[in-house]
Amino acid sequence: MSTLSNGSKGAEVRILQRDLCVLGYPVTIDGDFGDNTAAAAGRFQTDQGLVADSIVGLATWAVLDNLVPQGMDISHHNVGIDWVNLSPHVQFAYCKASQGATFKDNKFQGYLQILQQKHVIPGALSLPDLPGSGDGSAG
């Protein structure tokens, strides 16, 4: 992630703003690093024992990454998931279980077992049929 400060704009600012909100530092998620985002970033830095300069660089991003819950979305389309090196920050995963009336994801049960072994909170996705897919394998 880039170093962000007052005046920065864009997707990374939105990620920062979302993370701050998740952690209890409410700001408007608008992609504009203004005075309110700077103040929230400074409060976060103070609370975490960081240099409170309201500049979000490597140290601040590292602490945010450790505190904000992370998840993943998996299905039979995912091949070669590196379960051994799964980030310890992944706390939840949504697994595709079914789609439409007939398709059942053949990887679902296996993924549930692995997630339980990794102490990752599993969730099941059951999707409607997509027009034109016919076999439920889309998504």
N, C-alpha and C. Protein backbone atom coordinates (compact mmCIF):
# COMPACT_ATOMS: atom_id res chain seq x y z
N MET A 1 0.84 -1.18 0.00
CA MET A 1 0.00 0.00 0.00
C MET A 1 0.89 1.24 0.00
N SER A 2 0.35 2.27 -0.57
CA SER A 2 1.08 3.53 -0.67
C SER A 2 1.02 4.29 0.65
N THR A 3 1.95 5.22 0.81
CA THR A 3 1.88 6.15 1.93
C THR A 3 0.80 7.18 1.60
N LEU A 4 -0.10 7.39 2.56
CA LEU A 4 -1.23 8.30 2.37
C LEU A 4 -1.16 9.43 3.39
N SER A 5 -1.61 10.59 2.97
CA SER A 5 -1.67 11.74 3.88
C SER A 5 -2.77 12.68 3.40
N ASN A 6 -2.97 13.74 4.16
CA ASN A 6 -4.02 14.70 3.83
C ASN A 6 -3.84 15.16 2.39
N GLY A 7 -4.90 15.02 1.60
CA GLY A 7 -4.88 15.36 0.19
C GLY A 7 -4.84 14.16 -0.73
N SER A 8 -4.49 12.97 -0.18
CA SER A 8 -4.49 11.75 -1.00
C SER A 8 -5.92 11.42 -1.40
N LYS A 9 -6.07 10.78 -2.55
CA LYS A 9 -7.39 10.39 -3.04
C LYS A 9 -7.31 9.02 -3.69
N GLY A 10 -8.45 8.31 -3.69
CA GLY A 10 -8.52 7.08 -4.46
C GLY A 10 -8.87 5.84 -3.66
N ALA A 11 -8.68 4.70 -4.31
CA ALA A 11 -9.10 3.41 -3.76
C ALA A 11 -8.38 3.07 -2.46
N GLU A 12 -7.09 3.38 -2.37
CA GLU A 12 -6.37 3.05 -1.14
C GLU A 12 -6.87 3.89 0.03
N VAL A 13 -7.28 5.11 -0.23
CA VAL A 13 -7.87 5.95 0.82
C VAL A 13 -9.18 5.32 1.28
N ARG A 14 -9.99 4.82 0.34
CA ARG A 14 -11.24 4.15 0.72
C ARG A 14 -10.95 2.93 1.59
N ILE A 15 -9.92 2.17 1.26
CA ILE A 15 -9.55 1.01 2.09
C ILE A 15 -9.18 1.47 3.48
N LEU A 16 -8.36 2.51 3.57
CA LEU A 16 -7.98 3.07 4.88
C LEU A 16 -9.22 3.50 5.65
N GLN A 17 -10.11 4.24 5.00
CA GLN A 17 -11.31 4.73 5.67
C GLN A 17 -12.19 3.58 6.15
N ARG A 18 -12.34 2.55 5.32
CA ARG A 18 -13.11 1.38 5.73
C ARG A 18 -12.48 0.72 6.95
N ASP A 19 -11.16 0.53 6.91
CA ASP A 19 -10.46 -0.10 8.03
C ASP A 19 -10.62 0.71 9.31
N LEU A 20 -10.48 2.02 9.21
CA LEU A 20 -10.65 2.87 10.38
C LEU A 20 -12.07 2.73 10.95
N CYS A 21 -13.07 2.72 10.08
CA CYS A 21 -14.45 2.55 10.54
C CYS A 21 -14.64 1.21 11.24
N VAL A 22 -14.12 0.14 10.65
CA VAL A 22 -14.24 -1.19 11.24
C VAL A 22 -13.66 -1.21 12.65
N LEU A 23 -12.59 -0.46 12.85
CA LEU A 23 -11.89 -0.45 14.14
C LEU A 23 -12.41 0.61 15.11
N GLY A 24 -13.50 1.29 14.74
CA GLY A 24 -14.12 2.23 15.67
C GLY A 24 -13.67 3.67 15.54
N TYR A 25 -13.12 4.03 14.40
CA TYR A 25 -12.71 5.40 14.13
C TYR A 25 -13.55 5.90 12.94
N PRO A 26 -14.79 6.33 13.20
CA PRO A 26 -15.72 6.62 12.11
C PRO A 26 -15.28 7.81 11.25
N VAL A 27 -15.28 7.55 9.95
CA VAL A 27 -15.03 8.58 8.94
C VAL A 27 -15.94 8.28 7.76
N THR A 28 -16.12 9.25 6.91
CA THR A 28 -16.87 9.04 5.68
C THR A 28 -15.98 8.30 4.69
N ILE A 29 -16.50 7.22 4.10
CA ILE A 29 -15.74 6.44 3.13
C ILE A 29 -16.01 7.03 1.75
N ASP A 30 -15.16 7.97 1.37
CA ASP A 30 -15.37 8.68 0.11
C ASP A 30 -14.12 8.74 -0.77
N GLY A 31 -13.02 8.14 -0.30
CA GLY A 31 -11.80 8.14 -1.09
C GLY A 31 -11.02 9.44 -1.05
N ASP A 32 -11.42 10.34 -0.16
CA ASP A 32 -10.76 11.64 -0.04
C ASP A 32 -10.14 11.75 1.36
N PHE A 33 -8.83 11.76 1.44
CA PHE A 33 -8.11 11.86 2.72
C PHE A 33 -8.10 13.34 3.11
N GLY A 34 -9.14 13.74 3.83
CA GLY A 34 -9.26 15.12 4.29
C GLY A 34 -8.97 15.22 5.77
N ASP A 35 -9.41 16.32 6.36
CA ASP A 35 -9.13 16.59 7.77
C ASP A 35 -9.71 15.53 8.70
N ASN A 36 -10.93 15.06 8.42
CA ASN A 36 -11.54 14.05 9.29
C ASN A 36 -10.79 12.72 9.24
N THR A 37 -10.37 12.31 8.05
CA THR A 37 -9.59 11.08 7.92
C THR A 37 -8.24 11.25 8.60
N ALA A 38 -7.63 12.41 8.44
CA ALA A 38 -6.34 12.67 9.09
C ALA A 38 -6.48 12.60 10.61
N ALA A 39 -7.55 13.18 11.14
CA ALA A 39 -7.76 13.15 12.59
C ALA A 39 -7.98 11.72 13.08
N ALA A 40 -8.78 10.95 12.34
CA ALA A 40 -9.03 9.56 12.73
C ALA A 40 -7.74 8.74 12.65
N ALA A 41 -6.96 8.94 11.61
CA ALA A 41 -5.69 8.22 11.47
C ALA A 41 -4.76 8.58 12.62
N GLY A 42 -4.71 9.84 12.99
CA GLY A 42 -3.87 10.27 14.11
C GLY A 42 -4.31 9.65 15.42
N ARG A 43 -5.63 9.60 15.66
CA ARG A 43 -6.13 8.96 16.89
C ARG A 43 -5.77 7.48 16.91
N PHE A 44 -5.94 6.81 15.76
CA PHE A 44 -5.58 5.40 15.66
C PHE A 44 -4.09 5.22 15.97
N GLN A 45 -3.25 6.04 15.37
CA GLN A 45 -1.81 5.93 15.61
C GLN A 45 -1.48 6.13 17.08
N THR A 46 -2.08 7.12 17.71
CA THR A 46 -1.85 7.36 19.14
C THR A 46 -2.27 6.14 19.95
N ASP A 47 -3.45 5.63 19.68
CA ASP A 47 -3.97 4.47 20.43
C ASP A 47 -3.10 3.24 20.25
N GLN A 48 -2.42 3.13 19.13
CA GLN A 48 -1.59 1.95 18.85
C GLN A 48 -0.12 2.18 19.20
N GLY A 49 0.22 3.32 19.77
CA GLY A 49 1.60 3.59 20.16
C GLY A 49 2.51 3.92 18.98
N LEU A 50 1.92 4.37 17.89
CA LEU A 50 2.69 4.76 16.72
C LEU A 50 2.95 6.27 16.75
N VAL A 51 3.86 6.73 15.91
CA VAL A 51 4.05 8.17 15.75
C VAL A 51 2.76 8.74 15.18
N ALA A 52 2.16 9.67 15.91
CA ALA A 52 0.85 10.21 15.52
C ALA A 52 1.03 11.42 14.61
N ASP A 53 1.39 11.14 13.35
CA ASP A 53 1.59 12.21 12.38
C ASP A 53 0.48 12.27 11.33
N SER A 54 -0.50 11.38 11.45
CA SER A 54 -1.62 11.28 10.50
C SER A 54 -1.17 10.93 9.09
N ILE A 55 0.07 10.49 8.95
CA ILE A 55 0.58 9.97 7.67
C ILE A 55 0.54 8.46 7.77
N VAL A 56 -0.17 7.83 6.85
CA VAL A 56 -0.36 6.38 6.90
C VAL A 56 0.68 5.74 5.99
N GLY A 57 1.75 5.26 6.63
CA GLY A 57 2.83 4.60 5.92
C GLY A 57 2.91 3.14 6.31
N LEU A 58 4.08 2.55 6.11
CA LEU A 58 4.26 1.11 6.32
C LEU A 58 3.88 0.66 7.73
N ALA A 59 4.31 1.40 8.75
CA ALA A 59 4.04 0.98 10.13
C ALA A 59 2.54 1.00 10.43
N THR A 60 1.86 2.04 9.99
CA THR A 60 0.41 2.13 10.24
C THR A 60 -0.33 1.06 9.46
N TRP A 61 0.04 0.85 8.19
CA TRP A 61 -0.61 -0.21 7.40
C TRP A 61 -0.40 -1.57 8.06
N ALA A 62 0.79 -1.83 8.58
CA ALA A 62 1.07 -3.13 9.20
C ALA A 62 0.16 -3.37 10.40
N VAL A 63 -0.03 -2.35 11.23
CA VAL A 63 -0.91 -2.50 12.39
C VAL A 63 -2.36 -2.68 11.93
N LEU A 64 -2.79 -1.90 10.96
CA LEU A 64 -4.15 -2.06 10.43
C LEU A 64 -4.36 -3.48 9.91
N ASP A 65 -3.39 -3.99 9.15
CA ASP A 65 -3.52 -5.34 8.59
C ASP A 65 -3.65 -6.40 9.68
N ASN A 66 -3.00 -6.17 10.82
CA ASN A 66 -3.09 -7.13 11.92
C ASN A 66 -4.41 -7.04 12.67
N LEU A 67 -5.07 -5.91 12.61
CA LEU A 67 -6.28 -5.70 13.41
C LEU A 67 -7.59 -5.89 12.65
N VAL A 68 -7.58 -5.64 11.36
CA VAL A 68 -8.82 -5.71 10.57
C VAL A 68 -9.05 -7.15 10.13
N PRO A 69 -10.23 -7.70 10.43
CA PRO A 69 -10.51 -9.09 10.01
C PRO A 69 -10.42 -9.23 8.49
N GLN A 70 -9.86 -10.35 8.06
CA GLN A 70 -9.76 -10.63 6.63
C GLN A 70 -10.44 -11.96 6.34
N GLY A 71 -10.99 -12.07 5.15
CA GLY A 71 -11.67 -13.29 4.76
C GLY A 71 -11.37 -13.66 3.32
N MET A 72 -11.94 -14.78 2.92
CA MET A 72 -11.76 -15.25 1.55
C MET A 72 -13.04 -15.90 1.06
N ASP A 73 -13.16 -16.02 -0.24
CA ASP A 73 -14.32 -16.60 -0.90
C ASP A 73 -13.79 -17.73 -1.77
N ILE A 74 -14.24 -18.97 -1.52
CA ILE A 74 -13.69 -20.11 -2.26
C ILE A 74 -14.78 -21.00 -2.82
N SER A 75 -14.44 -21.69 -3.91
CA SER A 75 -15.34 -22.65 -4.54
C SER A 75 -14.50 -23.67 -5.29
N HIS A 76 -15.18 -24.53 -6.04
CA HIS A 76 -14.48 -25.55 -6.82
C HIS A 76 -13.58 -24.93 -7.90
N HIS A 77 -13.79 -23.66 -8.19
CA HIS A 77 -12.95 -22.98 -9.19
C HIS A 77 -11.55 -22.70 -8.66
N ASN A 78 -11.40 -22.64 -7.34
CA ASN A 78 -10.09 -22.37 -6.76
C ASN A 78 -9.25 -23.64 -6.78
N VAL A 79 -8.13 -23.57 -7.43
CA VAL A 79 -7.22 -24.71 -7.45
C VAL A 79 -5.88 -24.25 -6.89
N GLY A 80 -5.23 -25.14 -6.18
CA GLY A 80 -3.91 -24.83 -5.67
C GLY A 80 -3.89 -23.83 -4.53
N ILE A 81 -4.91 -23.81 -3.68
CA ILE A 81 -4.88 -22.93 -2.52
C ILE A 81 -3.74 -23.39 -1.62
N ASP A 82 -2.87 -22.48 -1.23
CA ASP A 82 -1.72 -22.80 -0.39
C ASP A 82 -2.16 -22.77 1.08
N TRP A 83 -2.78 -23.86 1.51
CA TRP A 83 -3.31 -23.93 2.87
C TRP A 83 -2.20 -23.88 3.91
N VAL A 84 -1.03 -24.40 3.58
CA VAL A 84 0.08 -24.41 4.54
C VAL A 84 0.51 -22.99 4.88
N ASN A 85 0.52 -22.12 3.89
CA ASN A 85 0.97 -20.74 4.09
C ASN A 85 -0.18 -19.75 4.13
N LEU A 86 -1.37 -20.22 4.49
CA LEU A 86 -2.52 -19.33 4.59
C LEU A 86 -2.22 -18.23 5.61
N SER A 87 -2.50 -17.01 5.24
CA SER A 87 -2.23 -15.88 6.13
C SER A 87 -2.95 -16.08 7.46
N PRO A 88 -2.25 -15.84 8.57
CA PRO A 88 -2.91 -15.95 9.87
C PRO A 88 -3.97 -14.88 10.08
N HIS A 89 -4.02 -13.89 9.19
CA HIS A 89 -5.01 -12.82 9.31
C HIS A 89 -6.37 -13.23 8.74
N VAL A 90 -6.42 -14.32 7.97
CA VAL A 90 -7.69 -14.79 7.43
C VAL A 90 -8.50 -15.38 8.58
N GLN A 91 -9.61 -14.73 8.91
CA GLN A 91 -10.42 -15.15 10.04
C GLN A 91 -11.73 -15.81 9.62
N PHE A 92 -12.17 -15.60 8.38
CA PHE A 92 -13.41 -16.21 7.92
C PHE A 92 -13.31 -16.53 6.43
N ALA A 93 -14.14 -17.46 5.99
CA ALA A 93 -14.17 -17.81 4.57
C ALA A 93 -15.59 -18.19 4.18
N TYR A 94 -16.01 -17.72 3.01
CA TYR A 94 -17.28 -18.13 2.44
C TYR A 94 -17.00 -19.21 1.41
N CYS A 95 -17.66 -20.35 1.55
CA CYS A 95 -17.46 -21.48 0.65
C CYS A 95 -18.74 -21.71 -0.15
N LYS A 96 -18.59 -21.83 -1.46
CA LYS A 96 -19.74 -22.12 -2.30
C LYS A 96 -20.20 -23.54 -2.00
N ALA A 97 -21.46 -23.69 -1.61
CA ALA A 97 -22.02 -25.01 -1.32
C ALA A 97 -22.87 -25.52 -2.47
N SER A 98 -23.65 -24.62 -3.06
CA SER A 98 -24.56 -25.05 -4.12
C SER A 98 -24.93 -23.87 -5.00
N GLN A 99 -25.54 -24.23 -6.14
CA GLN A 99 -26.09 -23.21 -7.03
C GLN A 99 -27.31 -23.79 -7.71
N GLY A 100 -28.39 -23.06 -7.63
CA GLY A 100 -29.63 -23.54 -8.23
C GLY A 100 -30.14 -24.78 -7.52
N ALA A 101 -31.03 -25.49 -8.21
CA ALA A 101 -31.69 -26.65 -7.60
C ALA A 101 -30.83 -27.91 -7.62
N THR A 102 -29.84 -27.98 -8.50
CA THR A 102 -29.16 -29.27 -8.67
C THR A 102 -27.65 -29.25 -8.43
N PHE A 103 -26.97 -28.13 -8.62
CA PHE A 103 -25.51 -28.15 -8.51
C PHE A 103 -25.05 -28.10 -7.06
N LYS A 104 -24.22 -29.04 -6.68
CA LYS A 104 -23.59 -29.07 -5.36
C LYS A 104 -22.08 -29.01 -5.58
N ASP A 105 -21.41 -28.09 -4.90
CA ASP A 105 -19.96 -27.94 -5.07
C ASP A 105 -19.26 -29.13 -4.42
N ASN A 106 -18.53 -29.91 -5.21
CA ASN A 106 -17.90 -31.13 -4.70
C ASN A 106 -16.71 -30.85 -3.80
N LYS A 107 -16.26 -29.62 -3.70
CA LYS A 107 -15.14 -29.27 -2.81
C LYS A 107 -15.62 -28.75 -1.45
N PHE A 108 -16.92 -28.51 -1.32
CA PHE A 108 -17.45 -27.84 -0.14
C PHE A 108 -17.07 -28.54 1.17
N GLN A 109 -17.36 -29.82 1.29
CA GLN A 109 -17.08 -30.53 2.55
C GLN A 109 -15.59 -30.54 2.88
N GLY A 110 -14.77 -30.74 1.87
CA GLY A 110 -13.32 -30.73 2.10
C GLY A 110 -12.83 -29.38 2.58
N TYR A 111 -13.36 -28.32 1.95
CA TYR A 111 -12.98 -26.98 2.38
C TYR A 111 -13.41 -26.72 3.82
N LEU A 112 -14.60 -27.17 4.19
CA LEU A 112 -15.05 -26.98 5.57
C LEU A 112 -14.10 -27.63 6.56
N GLN A 113 -13.67 -28.84 6.26
CA GLN A 113 -12.75 -29.55 7.16
C GLN A 113 -11.43 -28.80 7.31
N ILE A 114 -10.89 -28.35 6.19
CA ILE A 114 -9.62 -27.62 6.24
C ILE A 114 -9.78 -26.32 7.04
N LEU A 115 -10.86 -25.60 6.79
CA LEU A 115 -11.08 -24.34 7.50
C LEU A 115 -11.21 -24.56 9.00
N GLN A 116 -11.88 -25.63 9.40
CA GLN A 116 -11.99 -25.93 10.82
C GLN A 116 -10.62 -26.25 11.42
N GLN A 117 -9.80 -26.99 10.68
CA GLN A 117 -8.45 -27.30 11.16
C GLN A 117 -7.61 -26.03 11.31
N LYS A 118 -7.84 -25.07 10.44
CA LYS A 118 -7.10 -23.81 10.46
C LYS A 118 -7.73 -22.78 11.41
N HIS A 119 -8.83 -23.14 12.07
CA HIS A 119 -9.56 -22.25 12.98
C HIS A 119 -10.06 -21.00 12.26
N VAL A 120 -10.50 -21.20 11.02
CA VAL A 120 -11.10 -20.13 10.22
C VAL A 120 -12.61 -20.33 10.25
N ILE A 121 -13.35 -19.28 10.52
CA ILE A 121 -14.81 -19.37 10.62
C ILE A 121 -15.38 -19.58 9.21
N PRO A 122 -16.09 -20.71 8.99
CA PRO A 122 -16.64 -20.96 7.65
C PRO A 122 -18.06 -20.41 7.50
N GLY A 123 -18.38 -20.04 6.28
CA GLY A 123 -19.74 -19.67 5.91
C GLY A 123 -20.06 -20.34 4.60
N ALA A 124 -21.31 -20.67 4.39
CA ALA A 124 -21.73 -21.36 3.16
C ALA A 124 -22.48 -20.40 2.24
N LEU A 125 -22.18 -20.48 0.95
CA LEU A 125 -22.89 -19.71 -0.07
C LEU A 125 -23.75 -20.65 -0.88
N SER A 126 -25.00 -20.32 -1.04
CA SER A 126 -25.90 -21.06 -1.91
C SER A 126 -26.45 -20.04 -2.90
N LEU A 127 -26.04 -20.19 -4.16
CA LEU A 127 -26.34 -19.18 -5.16
C LEU A 127 -27.50 -19.59 -6.06
N PRO A 128 -28.25 -18.63 -6.58
CA PRO A 128 -29.28 -18.95 -7.56
C PRO A 128 -28.63 -19.30 -8.89
N ASP A 129 -29.37 -19.97 -9.77
CA ASP A 129 -28.87 -20.22 -11.11
C ASP A 129 -28.69 -18.90 -11.85
N LEU A 130 -27.63 -18.82 -12.61
CA LEU A 130 -27.40 -17.65 -13.45
C LEU A 130 -27.96 -17.93 -14.83
N PRO A 131 -28.59 -16.96 -15.46
CA PRO A 131 -29.15 -17.19 -16.80
C PRO A 131 -28.07 -17.71 -17.76
N GLY A 132 -28.39 -18.79 -18.45
CA GLY A 132 -27.48 -19.32 -19.45
C GLY A 132 -26.45 -20.29 -18.93
N SER A 133 -26.33 -20.46 -17.59
CA SER A 133 -25.29 -21.36 -17.09
C SER A 133 -25.73 -22.81 -17.20
N GLY A 134 -26.98 -23.10 -16.92
CA GLY A 134 -27.52 -24.44 -17.10
C GLY A 134 -27.04 -25.46 -16.11
N ASP A 135 -25.73 -25.49 -15.81
CA ASP A 135 -25.21 -26.55 -14.94
C ASP A 135 -24.86 -26.06 -13.55
N GLY A 136 -25.05 -24.77 -13.29
CA GLY A 136 -24.75 -24.25 -11.96
C GLY A 136 -23.28 -24.08 -11.67
N SER A 137 -22.43 -24.24 -12.68
CA SER A 137 -21.00 -24.17 -12.41
C SER A 137 -20.44 -22.76 -12.48
N ALA A 138 -21.24 -21.79 -12.88
CA ALA A 138 -20.75 -20.42 -12.92
C ALA A 138 -20.56 -19.91 -11.51
N GLY A 139 -19.67 -18.94 -11.37
CA GLY A 139 -19.48 -18.29 -10.08
C GLY A 139 -18.64 -19.06 -9.22
